[in-house]
Amino acid sequence: MRVLGEVIGKSASGFAITRCKQVPRLKASVFNLNHKKVGFVADIIGPASEPFILVNSQSKPGQELFVE
């Protein structure tokens, strides 16, 4: 697994917002530090150099997330 990024907040629609340097594929499974699946990549927004990833997850700010 590789690091997706740290959750920096929540969107108005309830998605966890994560900033990342490597763009994952849409619908990729997202895991927590204990390798438990917590959601999936719902959308990719923002600048191409450092995009924001919206994750369909109840993860809290500060939590680090991973993708396959």
C-alpha atoms as a PDB file:
ATOM      1  CA  MET A   1       0.000   0.000   0.000  1.00  0.00           C
ATOM      2  CA  ARG A   2       1.057   3.597  -0.514  1.00  0.00           C
ATOM      3  CA  VAL A   3       0.237   6.726   1.414  1.00  0.00           C
ATOM      4  CA  LEU A   4      -2.719   8.695   0.081  1.00  0.00           C
ATOM      5  CA  GLY A   5      -2.348  11.550   2.545  1.00  0.00           C
ATOM      6  CA  GLU A   6      -3.634  13.029   5.763  1.00  0.00           C
ATOM      7  CA  VAL A   7      -7.270  14.055   6.153  1.00  0.00           C
ATOM      8  CA  ILE A   8      -7.371  17.861   6.392  1.00  0.00           C
ATOM      9  CA  GLY A   9     -11.118  18.363   6.769  1.00  0.00           C
ATOM     10  CA  LYS A  10     -14.645  17.484   5.671  1.00  0.00           C
ATOM     11  CA  SER A  11     -16.561  18.736   2.646  1.00  0.00           C
ATOM     12  CA  ALA A  12     -20.098  20.111   2.916  1.00  0.00           C
ATOM     13  CA  SER A  13     -21.353  16.806   1.520  1.00  0.00           C
ATOM     14  CA  GLY A  14     -19.504  14.792   4.196  1.00  0.00           C
ATOM     15  CA  PHE A  15     -16.499  13.531   2.242  1.00  0.00           C
ATOM     16  CA  ALA A  16     -13.088  13.431   3.922  1.00  0.00           C
ATOM     17  CA  ILE A  17     -10.708  15.843   2.130  1.00  0.00           C
ATOM     18  CA  THR A  18      -7.120  14.720   1.667  1.00  0.00           C
ATOM     19  CA  ARG A  19      -4.256  16.495  -0.110  1.00  0.00           C
ATOM     20  CA  CYS A  20      -1.903  14.190  -1.988  1.00  0.00           C
ATOM     21  CA  LYS A  21       1.109  14.291  -4.283  1.00  0.00           C
ATOM     22  CA  GLN A  22       0.364  11.110  -6.276  1.00  0.00           C
ATOM     23  CA  VAL A  23      -3.072  10.901  -7.849  1.00  0.00           C
ATOM     24  CA  PRO A  24      -4.896   7.601  -7.197  1.00  0.00           C
ATOM     25  CA  ARG A  25      -7.474   6.159  -9.571  1.00  0.00           C
ATOM     26  CA  LEU A  26     -11.149   6.950  -9.012  1.00  0.00           C
ATOM     27  CA  LYS A  27     -13.011   4.386  -6.902  1.00  0.00           C
ATOM     28  CA  ALA A  28      -9.703   3.041  -5.470  1.00  0.00           C
ATOM     29  CA  SER A  29     -10.155   1.449  -2.057  1.00  0.00           C
ATOM     30  CA  VAL A  30      -8.895   3.562   0.866  1.00  0.00           C
ATOM     31  CA  PHE A  31      -7.494   2.082   4.075  1.00  0.00           C
ATOM     32  CA  ASN A  32      -6.536   3.351   7.523  1.00  0.00           C
ATOM     33  CA  LEU A  33      -3.250   2.775   9.359  1.00  0.00           C
ATOM     34  CA  ASN A  34      -4.475  -0.663  10.529  1.00  0.00           C
ATOM     35  CA  HIS A  35      -5.104  -1.759   6.897  1.00  0.00           C
ATOM     36  CA  LYS A  36      -8.886  -1.674   7.424  1.00  0.00           C
ATOM     37  CA  LYS A  37     -10.895  -0.492   4.411  1.00  0.00           C
ATOM     38  CA  VAL A  38     -12.559   2.811   5.329  1.00  0.00           C
ATOM     39  CA  GLY A  39     -13.907   4.003   1.976  1.00  0.00           C
ATOM     40  CA  PHE A  40     -13.023   4.801  -1.629  1.00  0.00           C
ATOM     41  CA  VAL A  41     -11.773   7.687  -3.765  1.00  0.00           C
ATOM     42  CA  ALA A  42     -14.929   9.562  -4.745  1.00  0.00           C
ATOM     43  CA  ASP A  43     -13.445  12.541  -6.633  1.00  0.00           C
ATOM     44  CA  ILE A  44     -10.233  14.393  -7.458  1.00  0.00           C
ATOM     45  CA  ILE A  45     -10.309  18.207  -7.424  1.00  0.00           C
ATOM     46  CA  GLY A  46      -7.948  21.170  -7.353  1.00  0.00           C
ATOM     47  CA  PRO A  47      -4.601  21.909  -9.001  1.00  0.00           C
ATOM     48  CA  ALA A  48      -2.871  19.118 -10.918  1.00  0.00           C
ATOM     49  CA  SER A  49       0.394  19.624  -9.010  1.00  0.00           C
ATOM     50  CA  GLU A  50      -1.140  18.878  -5.577  1.00  0.00           C
ATOM     51  CA  PRO A  51      -4.773  17.799  -5.920  1.00  0.00           C
ATOM     52  CA  PHE A  52      -7.354  17.277  -3.221  1.00  0.00           C
ATOM     53  CA  ILE A  53      -8.904  13.834  -2.966  1.00  0.00           C
ATOM     54  CA  LEU A  54     -12.477  13.404  -1.730  1.00  0.00           C
ATOM     55  CA  VAL A  55     -12.857  10.110   0.110  1.00  0.00           C
ATOM     56  CA  ASN A  56     -16.217   8.530   0.889  1.00  0.00           C
ATOM     57  CA  SER A  57     -15.247   7.899   4.509  1.00  0.00           C
ATOM     58  CA  GLN A  58     -15.968   8.981   8.077  1.00  0.00           C
ATOM     59  CA  SER A  59     -12.247   9.561   8.722  1.00  0.00           C
ATOM     60  CA  LYS A  60     -11.376  12.469  10.991  1.00  0.00           C
ATOM     61  CA  PRO A  61      -8.881  15.296  10.345  1.00  0.00           C
ATOM     62  CA  GLY A  62      -5.329  14.254  11.124  1.00  0.00           C
ATOM     63  CA  GLN A  63      -5.886  10.591  10.218  1.00  0.00           C
ATOM     64  CA  GLU A  64      -3.491   9.204   7.602  1.00  0.00           C
ATOM     65  CA  LEU A  65      -5.047   7.219   4.742  1.00  0.00           C
ATOM     66  CA  PHE A  66      -3.600   4.711   2.269  1.00  0.00           C
ATOM     67  CA  VAL A  67      -4.521   3.250  -1.148  1.00  0.00           C
ATOM     68  CA  GLU A  68      -3.614   0.002  -2.887  1.00  0.00           C
END
